Amino acid sequence: MTLVNLRVLLIAMVAAGLVAQETPRPNRLAWFEGFPEPLPEGASEVALEATSQMLRPDLERSADGRTFARLDGEEWQLTGDWAVKAGSSRFNVRVRVASRSGGIADQAIWNWHTMFNMPQGGREDAPKNRLVYHLERDGRVIGDLTRPGVSLMDLDVAWVRPFGTADAGGRVGASVQLPTGKQSDFSGSGDTDGLVGAAAWKRHGRFKVFGQVERVMLGLPRNSPLREVMDRTSFNRAWGSVAWLGQGPGLLDGLGLEVSLAYTGSPYHTGLERLDRAGWQQHWTLRHTRLPRWRFGVSEEAGTFTAPDITAYLVYRFDGK
C-alpha cells in the first residue's frame, strides 16, 4: 500500500466516525495494563495517573466455578516518554513506574455516589482501602498482588512516521513492548509483545477530530499462565474523539476540551463477562492556551462496566505543543 493510498484510507476512517486530538489515554485496568501501550505521537512528556479499581464481589466467580477473580485497589503511575527525531520518523521510549496500594479513594467515591443517589456497584460488600489483584483458573494462580509496593512496568519502544500538517494529517507506526515487568503481578505480560497502528486527524475551525486504530499482538511463552485464561494472542483497539480548541488568552476563550471514546478488545476467555467482553471507556481532557504544556483529565467506563475503574491524569509536555 502506498503512502498516498494509506492517507486516503485514514481520512476515510475519520469520515466514517472514528473521531481525538492526540495520543489517547490507555485503559489502566489491571487486567490490561501489562499489554502494549498505545502508539505514541513521538513527543517527550511525563504523566501522573491515579486509578481506583474494583470488581463487584458478587461477580468474582464464573458460573462453572473454574475462574475466580478479585480486583480491588488504587494505583499511582508515573509515565515518561522520551522521543527523538530520525529523519521524517520518530522513535519513542515509554517508561512506567506504578505504586499499588489499597489507597484512600474508596470513601470519596462512596460519598460521591451517595450525594447523587447512585448505586454503589458492590462497594457495600467490599472492605474499604483493600489491595487485592488476584486471578486464578482451575485452582492455578495466574496473577496475584496483595502487598503494596512499587513496580516497573513493561517498557515500550515505538517507531512513528507522521505525515501531513497539524490541521490535517496522520501517523503510522509500530511498537515493541519489552518484558521489564512481571506477569505474576500484572505489571507485564511475561514476554515481548507488539502492535501496529495508524491515526488521522483533521481540523474544522475550532473543532478537531481524530481517530486511532491498533492491532495488539501478545508474545506469550508456551508455558505462560495467561494461556489458561486466553483464547487468542491478538486483539484490536480503537479511539475516536472530538476536541474544542481554545483560542486567545482569556479564561473561557482559551479553554479547550477533548472528549474521546475508547474501545478495547479482550483476549480473555474465563467465563467472567467483565473480563471476557470488549470494554468501552470515556476520556475527558482539558487544556488552556495559557498552559500549553499541560493537560488535565479523567477517564471512566462508558456504559459496559467492563472496565470498572476511574482514572485522573495530569500530563506535562516538554515542547509545549
Protein backbone atom coordinates (compact mmCIF):
# COMPACT_ATOMS: atom_id res chain seq x y z
CA MET A 1 0.00 0.00 0.00
CA THR A 2 1.42 3.40 -0.99
CA LEU A 3 1.61 6.31 1.42
CA VAL A 4 -0.95 8.20 -0.66
CA ASN A 5 -3.42 5.31 -0.52
CA LEU A 6 -2.84 4.93 3.21
CA ARG A 7 -3.54 8.60 3.79
CA VAL A 8 -6.81 8.31 1.88
CA LEU A 9 -7.74 5.28 3.98
CA LEU A 10 -7.04 7.06 7.27
CA ILE A 11 -9.05 10.14 6.32
CA ALA A 12 -11.87 7.83 5.24
CA MET A 13 -11.82 6.19 8.68
CA VAL A 14 -12.29 9.60 10.31
CA ALA A 15 -15.18 10.35 7.98
CA ALA A 16 -16.70 7.00 8.93
CA GLY A 17 -16.88 8.03 12.56
CA LEU A 18 -13.52 7.46 14.24
CA VAL A 19 -13.27 10.91 15.54
CA ALA A 20 -9.42 12.74 19.26
CA GLN A 21 -6.78 15.21 19.28
CA GLU A 22 -3.61 13.46 20.35
CA THR A 23 -2.33 10.12 21.56
CA PRO A 24 -5.17 8.59 23.59
CA ARG A 25 -5.03 7.62 27.24
CA PRO A 26 -5.00 3.82 27.67
CA ASN A 27 -7.16 1.53 29.77
CA ARG A 28 -5.41 1.26 33.18
CA LEU A 29 -7.50 -1.64 34.45
CA ALA A 30 -5.14 -4.22 35.99
CA TRP A 31 -6.08 -6.98 33.53
CA PHE A 32 -4.96 -4.83 30.58
CA GLU A 33 -2.14 -2.57 31.81
CA GLY A 34 0.54 -5.22 31.19
CA PHE A 35 -0.26 -5.12 27.47
CA PRO A 36 1.39 -2.75 24.93
CA GLU A 37 0.81 0.97 25.35
CA PRO A 38 -0.99 2.94 22.60
CA LEU A 39 1.06 4.10 19.63
CA PRO A 40 2.53 7.47 20.77
CA GLU A 41 2.88 10.75 18.91
CA GLY A 42 6.62 10.83 19.40
CA ALA A 43 6.59 13.77 21.85
CA SER A 44 8.58 13.91 25.08
CA GLU A 45 6.29 14.23 28.08
CA VAL A 46 5.59 12.97 31.59
CA ALA A 47 2.22 11.95 33.01
CA LEU A 48 0.94 11.20 36.51
CA GLU A 49 -2.15 8.99 36.71
CA ALA A 50 -4.20 7.92 39.73
CA THR A 51 -6.57 4.97 39.25
CA SER A 52 -9.14 3.40 41.57
CA GLN A 53 -10.34 -0.08 40.54
CA MET A 54 -12.91 -2.58 41.79
CA LEU A 55 -14.63 -5.69 40.51
CA ARG A 56 -18.03 -6.34 42.12
CA PRO A 57 -17.66 -9.02 44.83
CA ASP A 58 -20.77 -10.86 43.59
CA LEU A 59 -19.18 -11.27 40.14
CA GLU A 60 -15.85 -12.74 41.24
CA ARG A 61 -16.57 -16.37 40.30
CA SER A 62 -17.60 -17.79 36.92
CA ALA A 63 -20.82 -19.78 36.59
CA ASP A 64 -18.89 -23.03 36.04
CA GLY A 65 -16.72 -22.34 39.11
CA ARG A 66 -13.48 -22.62 37.15
CA THR A 67 -12.41 -18.95 37.33
CA PHE A 68 -12.02 -16.74 40.38
CA ALA A 69 -11.02 -13.08 40.06
CA ARG A 70 -10.70 -10.34 42.65
CA LEU A 71 -9.73 -6.79 41.70
CA ASP A 72 -9.68 -4.05 44.31
CA GLY A 73 -7.05 -1.37 44.74
CA GLU A 74 -5.59 2.01 43.92
CA GLU A 75 -2.66 2.80 41.70
CA TRP A 76 -0.46 5.84 41.10
CA GLN A 77 1.53 5.61 37.90
CA LEU A 78 4.30 7.84 36.56
CA THR A 79 4.73 7.57 32.79
CA GLY A 80 7.67 9.09 30.94
CA ASP A 81 8.02 9.41 27.15
CA TRP A 82 11.37 10.23 25.58
CA ALA A 83 11.16 10.95 21.85
CA VAL A 84 13.87 11.60 19.24
CA LYS A 85 13.59 12.54 15.57
CA ALA A 86 15.19 10.33 12.93
CA GLY A 87 14.67 11.98 9.55
CA SER A 88 10.95 12.05 8.87
CA SER A 89 10.30 9.44 11.56
CA ARG A 90 10.40 9.46 15.36
CA PHE A 91 11.40 6.93 17.97
CA ASN A 92 9.72 6.92 21.37
CA VAL A 93 10.65 5.12 24.59
CA ARG A 94 7.95 4.87 27.27
CA VAL A 95 8.85 4.01 30.88
CA ARG A 96 6.16 3.38 33.51
CA VAL A 97 6.54 3.07 37.28
CA ALA A 98 3.45 2.15 39.31
CA SER A 99 2.77 2.36 43.05
CA ARG A 100 -0.05 0.00 44.06
CA SER A 101 -1.88 0.02 47.39
CA GLY A 102 -5.31 -0.12 48.99
CA GLY A 103 -5.41 3.63 48.55
CA ILE A 104 -7.60 6.29 50.11
CA ALA A 105 -10.20 6.96 47.41
CA ASP A 106 -12.86 4.39 48.34
CA GLN A 107 -14.67 6.62 50.83
CA ALA A 108 -14.58 9.60 48.46
CA ILE A 109 -16.14 7.50 45.67
CA TRP A 110 -18.74 6.18 48.14
CA ASN A 111 -19.65 9.74 49.17
CA TRP A 112 -19.89 10.84 45.53
CA HIS A 113 -22.33 8.04 44.70
CA THR A 114 -24.34 8.77 47.83
CA MET A 115 -24.54 12.50 47.04
CA PHE A 116 -26.08 11.83 43.62
CA ASN A 117 -28.16 8.85 44.77
CA MET A 118 -26.29 6.44 42.50
CA PRO A 119 -25.84 2.69 43.22
CA GLN A 120 -22.55 1.77 44.89
CA GLY A 121 -21.85 -1.02 42.40
CA GLY A 122 -20.97 -3.59 45.06
CA ARG A 123 -18.82 -1.30 47.19
CA GLU A 124 -21.05 -2.00 50.18
CA ASP A 125 -19.84 -5.64 50.09
CA ALA A 126 -16.10 -4.93 49.85
CA PRO A 127 -13.71 -3.69 52.57
CA LYS A 128 -12.53 -0.14 52.04
CA ASN A 129 -8.94 0.63 51.05
CA ARG A 130 -8.12 -3.00 50.21
CA LEU A 131 -5.41 -4.15 47.77
CA VAL A 132 -6.13 -7.44 46.00
CA TYR A 133 -5.22 -8.19 42.38
CA HIS A 134 -5.92 -11.91 42.01
CA LEU A 135 -6.84 -14.19 39.11
CA GLU A 136 -6.96 -17.98 39.10
CA ARG A 137 -8.26 -20.68 36.79
CA ASP A 138 -8.96 -24.30 37.83
CA GLY A 139 -7.08 -23.62 41.06
CA ARG A 140 -3.96 -22.32 39.25
CA VAL A 141 -2.98 -18.78 40.22
CA ILE A 142 -2.46 -16.66 37.11
CA GLY A 143 -1.51 -13.45 38.93
CA ASP A 144 -1.58 -12.18 42.49
CA LEU A 145 -0.74 -8.95 44.28
CA THR A 146 -1.77 -8.21 47.86
CA ARG A 147 1.22 -6.33 49.26
CA PRO A 148 1.62 -2.61 48.48
CA GLY A 149 4.73 -1.72 46.55
CA VAL A 150 6.32 -0.06 43.53
CA SER A 151 6.60 -1.90 40.21
CA LEU A 152 8.48 -1.23 36.98
CA MET A 153 6.01 -1.93 34.19
CA ASP A 154 6.86 -3.31 30.76
CA LEU A 155 8.95 -0.93 28.59
CA ASP A 156 7.61 0.27 25.22
CA VAL A 157 9.82 1.24 22.25
CA ALA A 158 7.91 2.69 19.28
CA TRP A 159 8.63 3.88 15.74
CA VAL A 160 6.25 6.54 14.36
CA ARG A 161 6.03 8.09 10.89
CA PRO A 162 3.86 11.26 10.85
CA PHE A 163 2.60 12.92 7.67
CA GLY A 164 0.53 15.94 6.74
CA THR A 165 0.17 19.00 8.98
CA ALA A 166 -1.15 19.83 12.44
CA ASP A 167 -4.50 20.69 10.82
CA ALA A 168 -4.86 17.62 8.58
CA GLY A 169 -2.63 14.59 8.73
CA GLY A 170 -1.89 11.32 10.42
CA ARG A 171 0.75 8.86 11.52
CA VAL A 172 1.55 5.18 11.16
CA GLY A 173 3.84 3.14 13.32
CA ALA A 174 4.68 0.07 15.35
CA SER A 175 5.98 -0.64 18.81
CA VAL A 176 7.59 -3.43 20.79
CA GLN A 177 6.97 -3.93 24.49
CA LEU A 178 9.87 -5.46 26.40
CA PRO A 179 9.28 -7.66 29.49
CA THR A 180 10.72 -5.41 32.21
CA GLY A 181 7.62 -6.03 34.34
CA LYS A 182 6.26 -9.27 35.75
CA GLN A 183 3.27 -11.27 34.60
CA SER A 184 2.66 -12.60 38.12
CA ASP A 185 1.62 -9.18 39.48
CA PHE A 186 0.05 -7.76 36.29
CA SER A 187 2.97 -5.35 35.63
CA GLY A 188 3.68 -7.07 32.30
CA SER A 189 2.73 -9.94 30.02
CA GLY A 190 5.84 -12.03 30.69
CA ASP A 191 7.26 -11.78 27.16
CA THR A 192 7.88 -9.40 24.26
CA ASP A 193 4.69 -8.01 22.71
CA GLY A 194 3.99 -5.68 19.80
CA LEU A 195 1.45 -3.60 17.96
CA VAL A 196 0.89 -1.83 14.67
CA GLY A 197 -1.31 1.23 14.45
CA ALA A 198 -2.45 4.25 12.49
CA ALA A 199 -4.06 7.58 13.30
CA ALA A 200 -5.58 10.50 11.42
CA TRP A 201 -6.86 13.96 12.32
CA LYS A 202 -8.45 16.99 10.71
CA ARG A 203 -9.32 20.46 11.93
CA HIS A 204 -12.63 22.19 11.20
CA GLY A 205 -12.48 25.73 12.61
CA ARG A 206 -12.26 25.40 16.39
CA PHE A 207 -13.01 21.68 16.23
CA LYS A 208 -10.52 18.91 15.65
CA VAL A 209 -11.41 15.26 15.09
CA PHE A 210 -9.06 12.32 15.48
CA GLY A 211 -9.13 8.53 15.20
CA GLN A 212 -6.62 5.83 16.05
CA VAL A 213 -6.80 2.07 15.40
CA GLU A 214 -4.39 -0.66 16.53
CA ARG A 215 -3.74 -4.38 16.36
CA VAL A 216 -2.09 -5.72 19.53
CA MET A 217 -0.07 -8.95 19.41
CA LEU A 218 0.96 -10.78 22.57
CA GLY A 219 4.11 -12.90 22.56
CA LEU A 220 3.10 -15.31 25.30
CA PRO A 221 5.52 -18.17 26.09
CA ARG A 222 4.11 -21.67 25.64
CA ASN A 223 4.13 -22.21 29.40
CA SER A 224 2.64 -18.79 30.26
CA PRO A 225 -0.15 -18.98 32.87
CA LEU A 226 -2.04 -16.41 30.80
CA ARG A 227 -2.70 -19.10 28.18
CA GLU A 228 -5.01 -20.71 30.73
CA VAL A 229 -7.35 -17.70 30.62
CA MET A 230 -6.97 -16.54 27.00
CA ASP A 231 -8.28 -17.95 23.74
CA ARG A 232 -6.29 -15.64 21.47
CA THR A 233 -2.99 -13.76 21.42
CA SER A 234 -4.09 -10.68 19.45
CA PHE A 235 -6.92 -8.16 19.65
CA ASN A 236 -7.97 -4.73 18.38
CA ARG A 237 -8.20 -1.29 20.00
CA ALA A 238 -9.63 1.97 18.70
CA TRP A 239 -10.18 5.54 19.88
CA GLY A 240 -12.30 8.30 18.44
CA SER A 241 -12.66 11.83 19.75
CA VAL A 242 -13.51 15.41 19.07
CA ALA A 243 -11.80 18.45 20.58
CA TRP A 244 -12.90 22.06 21.03
CA LEU A 245 -9.76 24.18 20.66
CA GLY A 246 -9.06 27.13 22.89
CA GLN A 247 -8.18 30.44 21.21
CA GLY A 248 -6.88 33.57 22.90
CA PRO A 249 -5.60 34.28 26.43
CA GLY A 250 -8.96 34.65 28.17
CA LEU A 251 -10.16 32.29 30.88
CA LEU A 252 -13.05 30.95 28.79
CA ASP A 253 -11.93 31.52 25.20
CA GLY A 254 -8.57 29.89 25.91
CA LEU A 255 -10.14 26.73 27.32
CA GLY A 256 -10.05 23.56 25.24
CA LEU A 257 -11.87 20.27 25.82
CA GLU A 258 -11.31 16.87 24.22
CA VAL A 259 -13.83 14.05 24.61
CA SER A 260 -12.91 10.59 23.40
CA LEU A 261 -14.46 7.14 23.34
CA ALA A 262 -12.15 4.12 23.52
CA TYR A 263 -12.74 0.50 22.51
CA THR A 264 -10.53 -2.27 23.90
CA GLY A 265 -10.94 -5.83 22.69
CA SER A 266 -10.28 -8.63 25.17
CA PRO A 267 -8.18 -11.76 24.61
CA TYR A 268 -9.56 -13.31 27.81
CA HIS A 269 -11.81 -16.37 27.93
CA THR A 270 -12.62 -17.00 31.58
CA GLY A 271 -16.37 -17.25 31.88
CA LEU A 272 -16.41 -13.89 33.68
CA GLU A 273 -18.20 -11.43 31.43
CA ARG A 274 -16.36 -8.39 32.75
CA LEU A 275 -13.02 -9.86 31.73
CA ASP A 276 -14.09 -11.55 28.51
CA ARG A 277 -16.09 -8.93 26.64
CA ALA A 278 -14.75 -5.85 24.91
CA GLY A 279 -14.73 -2.69 27.01
CA TRP A 280 -15.59 0.94 26.33
CA GLN A 281 -14.09 3.94 28.11
CA GLN A 282 -14.72 7.68 28.02
CA HIS A 283 -11.92 10.23 28.39
CA TRP A 284 -12.31 13.96 29.14
CA THR A 285 -9.21 16.13 28.73
CA LEU A 286 -8.87 19.87 29.47
CA ARG A 287 -6.20 22.29 28.28
CA HIS A 288 -5.73 26.05 28.12
CA THR A 289 -3.78 28.36 25.84
CA ARG A 290 -2.09 29.93 28.90
CA LEU A 291 -0.78 26.48 29.91
CA PRO A 292 0.27 25.00 26.56
CA ARG A 293 2.46 22.32 28.14
CA TRP A 294 -0.25 20.90 30.43
CA ARG A 295 -3.21 18.51 30.06
CA PHE A 296 -5.69 17.58 32.81
CA GLY A 297 -8.27 14.85 32.55
CA VAL A 298 -10.32 11.95 33.81
CA SER A 299 -11.44 8.63 32.30
CA GLU A 300 -14.08 6.11 33.32
CA GLU A 301 -16.00 3.18 31.88
CA ALA A 302 -18.57 4.08 29.24
CA GLY A 303 -21.68 2.02 29.83
CA THR A 304 -20.44 -1.58 29.63
CA PHE A 305 -18.78 -1.61 33.09
CA THR A 306 -16.18 -3.97 31.61
CA ALA A 307 -13.52 -1.61 32.92
CA PRO A 308 -14.68 -0.72 36.46
CA ASP A 309 -12.11 1.96 37.07
CA ILE A 310 -11.81 5.73 37.26
CA THR A 311 -8.55 7.49 36.43
CA ALA A 312 -7.45 11.11 36.89
CA TYR A 313 -4.38 12.23 34.96
CA LEU A 314 -2.04 15.19 34.65
CA VAL A 315 0.32 15.48 31.64
CA TYR A 316 3.27 17.81 31.09
CA ARG A 317 4.70 18.07 27.56
CA PHE A 318 8.24 19.38 27.25
CA ASP A 319 7.84 21.01 23.83
CA GLY A 320 4.64 22.80 24.83
CA LYS A 321 2.66 21.74 21.76
